Amino acid sequence: DSDPFRWTNPVSRFDVNNNGDIDPLDVLMVINEINRRGSRELDPLTDLTPPYLDANPDGSIDPLDVLVIVNEINRRN
């Protein structure tokens, strides 16, 4: 299945850890995963959810996911 939305929170795409808040921890989780395993296309067999790492539902994890979450936090403040 190649549904890119599988790695995006269905309630709020910016809420990576699915705790109901959009905050710096969501950003940190994506950054830590990129640092740990690199930017990449997400794999349905190994990249399980949550966390919902793909904030811009394109089926990959990369700095753009970080940017859209930071922009959303700034927009809300």
PDB file of N, CA and C in Angstrom:
ATOM      1  N   ASP A   1       0.844  -1.185   0.000  1.00  0.00           N
ATOM      2  CA  ASP A   1       0.000   0.000   0.000  1.00  0.00           C
ATOM      3  C   ASP A   1       0.881   1.237   0.000  1.00  0.00           C
ATOM      4  N   SER A   2       0.620   2.162  -0.908  1.00  0.00           N
ATOM      5  CA  SER A   2       1.465   3.345  -1.023  1.00  0.00           C
ATOM      6  C   SER A   2       0.731   4.620  -0.594  1.00  0.00           C
ATOM      7  N   ASP A   3      -0.188   4.507   0.340  1.00  0.00           N
ATOM      8  CA  ASP A   3      -0.939   5.653   0.821  1.00  0.00           C
ATOM      9  C   ASP A   3      -0.035   6.555   1.658  1.00  0.00           C
ATOM     10  N   PRO A   4       0.333   7.761   1.159  1.00  0.00           N
ATOM     11  CA  PRO A   4       1.235   8.632   1.924  1.00  0.00           C
ATOM     12  C   PRO A   4       0.609   9.165   3.207  1.00  0.00           C
ATOM     13  N   PHE A   5      -0.708   9.112   3.319  1.00  0.00           N
ATOM     14  CA  PHE A   5      -1.361   9.628   4.516  1.00  0.00           C
ATOM     15  C   PHE A   5      -1.241   8.687   5.716  1.00  0.00           C
ATOM     16  N   ARG A   6      -0.741   7.484   5.510  1.00  0.00           N
ATOM     17  CA  ARG A   6      -0.620   6.537   6.621  1.00  0.00           C
ATOM     18  C   ARG A   6       0.321   7.028   7.712  1.00  0.00           C
ATOM     19  N   TRP A   7       1.264   7.925   7.367  1.00  0.00           N
ATOM     20  CA  TRP A   7       2.232   8.437   8.342  1.00  0.00           C
ATOM     21  C   TRP A   7       1.889   9.848   8.813  1.00  0.00           C
ATOM     22  N   THR A   8       0.667  10.311   8.507  1.00  0.00           N
ATOM     23  CA  THR A   8       0.219  11.643   8.881  1.00  0.00           C
ATOM     24  C   THR A   8      -0.951  11.517   9.845  1.00  0.00           C
ATOM     25  N   ASN A   9      -0.877  12.233  10.948  1.00  0.00           N
ATOM     26  CA  ASN A   9      -1.938  12.169  11.948  1.00  0.00           C
ATOM     27  C   ASN A   9      -3.265  12.575  11.301  1.00  0.00           C
ATOM     28  N   PRO A  10      -4.278  11.706  11.346  1.00  0.00           N
ATOM     29  CA  PRO A  10      -5.552  12.016  10.691  1.00  0.00           C
ATOM     30  C   PRO A  10      -6.344  13.114  11.399  1.00  0.00           C
ATOM     31  N   VAL A  11      -6.033  13.391  12.644  1.00  0.00           N
ATOM     32  CA  VAL A  11      -6.741  14.436  13.394  1.00  0.00           C
ATOM     33  C   VAL A  11      -6.068  15.790  13.200  1.00  0.00           C
ATOM     34  N   SER A  12      -4.753  15.821  13.326  1.00  0.00           N
ATOM     35  CA  SER A  12      -3.971  17.047  13.138  1.00  0.00           C
ATOM     36  C   SER A  12      -2.614  16.662  12.577  1.00  0.00           C
ATOM     37  N   ARG A  13      -2.361  17.022  11.345  1.00  0.00           N
ATOM     38  CA  ARG A  13      -1.140  16.554  10.674  1.00  0.00           C
ATOM     39  C   ARG A  13       0.154  17.029  11.333  1.00  0.00           C
ATOM     40  N   PHE A  14       0.069  18.051  12.183  1.00  0.00           N
ATOM     41  CA  PHE A  14       1.264  18.578  12.846  1.00  0.00           C
ATOM     42  C   PHE A  14       1.531  17.913  14.201  1.00  0.00           C
ATOM     43  N   ASP A  15       0.598  17.129  14.684  1.00  0.00           N
ATOM     44  CA  ASP A  15       0.711  16.473  15.995  1.00  0.00           C
ATOM     45  C   ASP A  15       1.395  15.114  15.821  1.00  0.00           C
ATOM     46  N   VAL A  16       2.710  15.141  15.759  1.00  0.00           N
ATOM     47  CA  VAL A  16       3.520  13.953  15.475  1.00  0.00           C
ATOM     48  C   VAL A  16       3.328  12.869  16.520  1.00  0.00           C
ATOM     49  N   ASN A  17       3.327  13.243  17.794  1.00  0.00           N
ATOM     50  CA  ASN A  17       3.250  12.240  18.856  1.00  0.00           C
ATOM     51  C   ASN A  17       1.816  11.931  19.290  1.00  0.00           C
ATOM     52  N   ASN A  18       0.834  12.548  18.623  1.00  0.00           N
ATOM     53  CA  ASN A  18      -0.582  12.240  18.851  1.00  0.00           C
ATOM     54  C   ASN A  18      -1.020  12.475  20.298  1.00  0.00           C
ATOM     55  N   ASN A  19      -0.498  13.555  20.910  1.00  0.00           N
ATOM     56  CA  ASN A  19      -0.883  13.849  22.288  1.00  0.00           C
ATOM     57  C   ASN A  19      -1.930  14.959  22.380  1.00  0.00           C
ATOM     58  N   GLY A  20      -2.409  15.431  21.241  1.00  0.00           N
ATOM     59  CA  GLY A  20      -3.422  16.468  21.225  1.00  0.00           C
ATOM     60  C   GLY A  20      -2.882  17.882  21.193  1.00  0.00           C
ATOM     61  N   ASP A  21      -1.566  18.049  21.282  1.00  0.00           N
ATOM     62  CA  ASP A  21      -0.927  19.366  21.240  1.00  0.00           C
ATOM     63  C   ASP A  21       0.041  19.428  20.067  1.00  0.00           C
ATOM     64  N   ILE A  22       0.248  20.632  19.578  1.00  0.00           N
ATOM     65  CA  ILE A  22       1.287  20.882  18.575  1.00  0.00           C
ATOM     66  C   ILE A  22       2.311  21.761  19.261  1.00  0.00           C
ATOM     67  N   ASP A  23       3.496  21.199  19.487  1.00  0.00           N
ATOM     68  CA  ASP A  23       4.498  21.900  20.278  1.00  0.00           C
ATOM     69  C   ASP A  23       5.901  21.492  19.825  1.00  0.00           C
ATOM     70  N   PRO A  24       6.935  22.087  20.411  1.00  0.00           N
ATOM     71  CA  PRO A  24       8.299  21.775  19.997  1.00  0.00           C
ATOM     72  C   PRO A  24       8.668  20.293  20.098  1.00  0.00           C
ATOM     73  N   LEU A  25       8.002  19.534  20.937  1.00  0.00           N
ATOM     74  CA  LEU A  25       8.297  18.105  21.017  1.00  0.00           C
ATOM     75  C   LEU A  25       7.984  17.412  19.692  1.00  0.00           C
ATOM     76  N   ASP A  26       6.953  17.856  18.998  1.00  0.00           N
ATOM     77  CA  ASP A  26       6.640  17.279  17.691  1.00  0.00           C
ATOM     78  C   ASP A  26       7.781  17.540  16.710  1.00  0.00           C
ATOM     79  N   VAL A  27       8.307  18.740  16.734  1.00  0.00           N
ATOM     80  CA  VAL A  27       9.449  19.093  15.886  1.00  0.00           C
ATOM     81  C   VAL A  27      10.655  18.220  16.243  1.00  0.00           C
ATOM     82  N   LEU A  28      10.929  18.113  17.523  1.00  0.00           N
ATOM     83  CA  LEU A  28      12.087  17.352  17.989  1.00  0.00           C
ATOM     84  C   LEU A  28      11.997  15.881  17.582  1.00  0.00           C
ATOM     85  N   MET A  29      10.809  15.317  17.618  1.00  0.00           N
ATOM     86  CA  MET A  29      10.663  13.908  17.240  1.00  0.00           C
ATOM     87  C   MET A  29      11.036  13.682  15.777  1.00  0.00           C
ATOM     88  N   VAL A  30      10.642  14.602  14.909  1.00  0.00           N
ATOM     89  CA  VAL A  30      10.989  14.475  13.489  1.00  0.00           C
ATOM     90  C   VAL A  30      12.489  14.684  13.303  1.00  0.00           C
ATOM     91  N   ILE A  31      13.043  15.704  13.941  1.00  0.00           N
ATOM     92  CA  ILE A  31      14.490  15.960  13.834  1.00  0.00           C
ATOM     93  C   ILE A  31      15.285  14.755  14.331  1.00  0.00           C
ATOM     94  N   ASN A  32      14.896  14.210  15.471  1.00  0.00           N
ATOM     95  CA  ASN A  32      15.614  13.049  16.006  1.00  0.00           C
ATOM     96  C   ASN A  32      15.560  11.864  15.056  1.00  0.00           C
ATOM     97  N   GLU A  33      14.420  11.645  14.433  1.00  0.00           N
ATOM     98  CA  GLU A  33      14.307  10.523  13.489  1.00  0.00           C
ATOM     99  C   GLU A  33      15.155  10.756  12.243  1.00  0.00           C
ATOM    100  N   ILE A  34      15.182  11.986  11.753  1.00  0.00           N
ATOM    101  CA  ILE A  34      16.048  12.296  10.602  1.00  0.00           C
ATOM    102  C   ILE A  34      17.510  12.107  10.995  1.00  0.00           C
ATOM    103  N   ASN A  35      17.889  12.554  12.179  1.00  0.00           N
ATOM    104  CA  ASN A  35      19.269  12.377  12.632  1.00  0.00           C
ATOM    105  C   ASN A  35      19.613  10.904  12.818  1.00  0.00           C
ATOM    106  N   ARG A  36      18.648  10.126  13.276  1.00  0.00           N
ATOM    107  CA  ARG A  36      18.889   8.706  13.544  1.00  0.00           C
ATOM    108  C   ARG A  36      18.977   7.879  12.264  1.00  0.00           C
ATOM    109  N   ARG A  37      18.021   8.095  11.336  1.00  0.00           N
ATOM    110  CA  ARG A  37      17.937   7.217  10.162  1.00  0.00           C
ATOM    111  C   ARG A  37      17.988   7.950   8.834  1.00  0.00           C
ATOM    112  N   GLY A  38      18.080   9.276   8.873  1.00  0.00           N
ATOM    113  CA  GLY A  38      18.190  10.065   7.651  1.00  0.00           C
ATOM    114  C   GLY A  38      16.853  10.385   7.008  1.00  0.00           C
ATOM    115  N   SER A  39      16.893  11.356   6.100  1.00  0.00           N
ATOM    116  CA  SER A  39      15.729  11.660   5.280  1.00  0.00           C
ATOM    117  C   SER A  39      15.507  10.480   4.352  1.00  0.00           C
ATOM    118  N   ARG A  40      14.219  10.119   4.149  1.00  0.00           N
ATOM    119  CA  ARG A  40      13.954   8.928   3.339  1.00  0.00           C
ATOM    120  C   ARG A  40      12.475   8.811   3.027  1.00  0.00           C
ATOM    121  N   GLU A  41      12.178   7.950   2.072  1.00  0.00           N
ATOM    122  CA  GLU A  41      10.795   7.550   1.857  1.00  0.00           C
ATOM    123  C   GLU A  41      10.432   6.614   2.996  1.00  0.00           C
ATOM    124  N   LEU A  42       9.239   6.789   3.519  1.00  0.00           N
ATOM    125  CA  LEU A  42       8.805   5.950   4.634  1.00  0.00           C
ATOM    126  C   LEU A  42       8.372   4.577   4.119  1.00  0.00           C
ATOM    127  N   ASP A  43       8.653   3.561   4.912  1.00  0.00           N
ATOM    128  CA  ASP A  43       8.397   2.180   4.540  1.00  0.00           C
ATOM    129  C   ASP A  43       7.245   1.629   5.377  1.00  0.00           C
ATOM    130  N   PRO A  44       6.187   1.123   4.741  1.00  0.00           N
ATOM    131  CA  PRO A  44       5.042   0.630   5.514  1.00  0.00           C
ATOM    132  C   PRO A  44       5.367  -0.563   6.412  1.00  0.00           C
ATOM    133  N   LEU A  45       6.458  -1.252   6.165  1.00  0.00           N
ATOM    134  CA  LEU A  45       6.819  -2.408   6.988  1.00  0.00           C
ATOM    135  C   LEU A  45       7.660  -2.038   8.205  1.00  0.00           C
ATOM    136  N   THR A  46       8.436  -0.974   8.099  1.00  0.00           N
ATOM    137  CA  THR A  46       9.342  -0.632   9.205  1.00  0.00           C
ATOM    138  C   THR A  46       9.017   0.689   9.895  1.00  0.00           C
ATOM    139  N   ASP A  47       8.321   1.585   9.216  1.00  0.00           N
ATOM    140  CA  ASP A  47       7.979   2.884   9.798  1.00  0.00           C
ATOM    141  C   ASP A  47       6.520   2.841  10.256  1.00  0.00           C
ATOM    142  N   LEU A  48       6.330   2.412  11.494  1.00  0.00           N
ATOM    143  CA  LEU A  48       4.991   2.245  12.037  1.00  0.00           C
ATOM    144  C   LEU A  48       4.544   3.513  12.743  1.00  0.00           C
ATOM    145  N   THR A  49       3.232   3.696  12.866  1.00  0.00           N
ATOM    146  CA  THR A  49       2.691   4.886  13.518  1.00  0.00           C
ATOM    147  C   THR A  49       1.907   4.510  14.750  1.00  0.00           C
ATOM    148  N   PRO A  50       1.718   5.405  15.746  1.00  0.00           N
ATOM    149  CA  PRO A  50       2.470   6.643  15.847  1.00  0.00           C
ATOM    150  C   PRO A  50       3.931   6.388  16.219  1.00  0.00           C
ATOM    151  N   PRO A  51       4.827   7.317  16.112  1.00  0.00           N
ATOM    152  CA  PRO A  51       4.589   8.712  15.782  1.00  0.00           C
ATOM    153  C   PRO A  51       4.257   8.905  14.300  1.00  0.00           C
ATOM    154  N   TYR A  52       3.539   9.986  14.042  1.00  0.00           N
ATOM    155  CA  TYR A  52       3.161  10.370  12.688  1.00  0.00           C
ATOM    156  C   TYR A  52       4.211  11.343  12.161  1.00  0.00           C
ATOM    157  N   LEU A  53       5.236  10.814  11.515  1.00  0.00           N
ATOM    158  CA  LEU A  53       6.419  11.598  11.152  1.00  0.00           C
ATOM    159  C   LEU A  53       6.256  12.455   9.903  1.00  0.00           C
ATOM    160  N   ASP A  54       5.226  12.208   9.113  1.00  0.00           N
ATOM    161  CA  ASP A  54       5.078  12.874   7.816  1.00  0.00           C
ATOM    162  C   ASP A  54       4.034  13.990   7.903  1.00  0.00           C
ATOM    163  N   ALA A  55       4.452  15.165   8.354  1.00  0.00           N
ATOM    164  CA  ALA A  55       3.530  16.284   8.557  1.00  0.00           C
ATOM    165  C   ALA A  55       3.063  16.917   7.247  1.00  0.00           C
ATOM    166  N   ASN A  56       3.775  16.709   6.175  1.00  0.00           N
ATOM    167  CA  ASN A  56       3.330  17.169   4.848  1.00  0.00           C
ATOM    168  C   ASN A  56       3.139  15.924   3.983  1.00  0.00           C
ATOM    169  N   PRO A  57       2.012  15.312   4.048  1.00  0.00           N
ATOM    170  CA  PRO A  57       1.798  13.945   3.560  1.00  0.00           C
ATOM    171  C   PRO A  57       2.305  13.672   2.142  1.00  0.00           C
ATOM    172  N   ASP A  58       3.612  13.378   2.076  1.00  0.00           N
ATOM    173  CA  ASP A  58       4.208  13.034   0.784  1.00  0.00           C
ATOM    174  C   ASP A  58       4.873  11.663   0.814  1.00  0.00           C
ATOM    175  N   GLY A  59       4.710  10.939   1.928  1.00  0.00           N
ATOM    176  CA  GLY A  59       5.268   9.596   2.016  1.00  0.00           C
ATOM    177  C   GLY A  59       6.733   9.537   2.374  1.00  0.00           C
ATOM    178  N   SER A  60       7.297  10.661   2.802  1.00  0.00           N
ATOM    179  CA  SER A  60       8.709  10.674   3.188  1.00  0.00           C
ATOM    180  C   SER A  60       8.885  11.515   4.446  1.00  0.00           C
ATOM    181  N   ILE A  61      10.045  11.356   5.052  1.00  0.00           N
ATOM    182  CA  ILE A  61      10.432  12.190   6.191  1.00  0.00           C
ATOM    183  C   ILE A  61      11.668  12.963   5.772  1.00  0.00           C
ATOM    184  N   ASP A  62      11.599  14.295   5.933  1.00  0.00           N
ATOM    185  CA  ASP A  62      12.696  15.164   5.523  1.00  0.00           C
ATOM    186  C   ASP A  62      12.539  16.523   6.207  1.00  0.00           C
ATOM    187  N   PRO A  63      13.478  17.442   5.994  1.00  0.00           N
ATOM    188  CA  PRO A  63      13.401  18.742   6.671  1.00  0.00           C
ATOM    189  C   PRO A  63      12.114  19.521   6.398  1.00  0.00           C
ATOM    190  N   LEU A  64      11.440  19.248   5.302  1.00  0.00           N
ATOM    191  CA  LEU A  64      10.189  19.943   5.034  1.00  0.00           C
ATOM    192  C   LEU A  64       9.132  19.600   6.083  1.00  0.00           C
ATOM    193  N   ASP A  65       9.155  18.383   6.602  1.00  0.00           N
ATOM    194  CA  ASP A  65       8.240  18.023   7.684  1.00  0.00           C
ATOM    195  C   ASP A  65       8.508  18.869   8.919  1.00  0.00           C
ATOM    196  N   VAL A  66       9.766  19.097   9.214  1.00  0.00           N
ATOM    197  CA  VAL A  66      10.142  19.954  10.345  1.00  0.00           C
ATOM    198  C   VAL A  66       9.635  21.373  10.107  1.00  0.00           C
ATOM    199  N   LEU A  67       9.866  21.883   8.916  1.00  0.00           N
ATOM    200  CA  LEU A  67       9.492  23.259   8.596  1.00  0.00           C
ATOM    201  C   LEU A  67       7.988  23.488   8.715  1.00  0.00           C
ATOM    202  N   VAL A  68       7.164  22.578   8.224  1.00  0.00           N
ATOM    203  CA  VAL A  68       5.721  22.814   8.290  1.00  0.00           C
ATOM    204  C   VAL A  68       5.214  22.802   9.734  1.00  0.00           C
ATOM    205  N   ILE A  69       5.828  21.998  10.583  1.00  0.00           N
ATOM    206  CA  ILE A  69       5.425  21.992  11.997  1.00  0.00           C
ATOM    207  C   ILE A  69       5.858  23.287  12.670  1.00  0.00           C
ATOM    208  N   VAL A  70       7.077  23.725  12.439  1.00  0.00           N
ATOM    209  CA  VAL A  70       7.563  24.985  13.016  1.00  0.00           C
ATOM    210  C   VAL A  70       6.682  26.140  12.533  1.00  0.00           C
ATOM    211  N   ASN A  71       6.350  26.152  11.254  1.00  0.00           N
ATOM    212  CA  ASN A  71       5.489  27.213  10.734  1.00  0.00           C
ATOM    213  C   ASN A  71       4.114  27.203  11.412  1.00  0.00           C
ATOM    214  N   GLU A  72       3.574  26.026  11.667  1.00  0.00           N
ATOM    215  CA  GLU A  72       2.275  25.934  12.332  1.00  0.00           C
ATOM    216  C   GLU A  72       2.368  26.431  13.764  1.00  0.00           C
ATOM    217  N   ILE A  73       3.433  26.066  14.474  1.00  0.00           N
ATOM    218  CA  ILE A  73       3.616  26.573  15.845  1.00  0.00           C
ATOM    219  C   ILE A  73       3.711  28.088  15.833  1.00  0.00           C
ATOM    220  N   ASN A  74       4.485  28.640  14.915  1.00  0.00           N
ATOM    221  CA  ASN A  74       4.622  30.108  14.822  1.00  0.00           C
ATOM    222  C   ASN A  74       3.305  30.768  14.448  1.00  0.00           C
ATOM    223  N   ARG A  75       2.533  30.151  13.577  1.00  0.00           N
ATOM    224  CA  ARG A  75       1.249  30.704  13.180  1.00  0.00           C
ATOM    225  C   ARG A  75       0.294  30.788  14.367  1.00  0.00           C
ATOM    226  N   ARG A  76       0.351  29.785  15.238  1.00  0.00           N
ATOM    227  CA  ARG A  76      -0.544  29.738  16.390  1.00  0.00           C
ATOM    228  C   ARG A  76      -0.132  30.708  17.493  1.00  0.00           C
ATOM    229  N   ASN A  77       1.142  31.099  17.522  1.00  0.00           N
ATOM    230  CA  ASN A  77       1.609  31.981  18.608  1.00  0.00           C
ATOM    231  C   ASN A  77       1.497  33.425  18.256  1.00  0.00           C
TER     232      ASN A  77
END
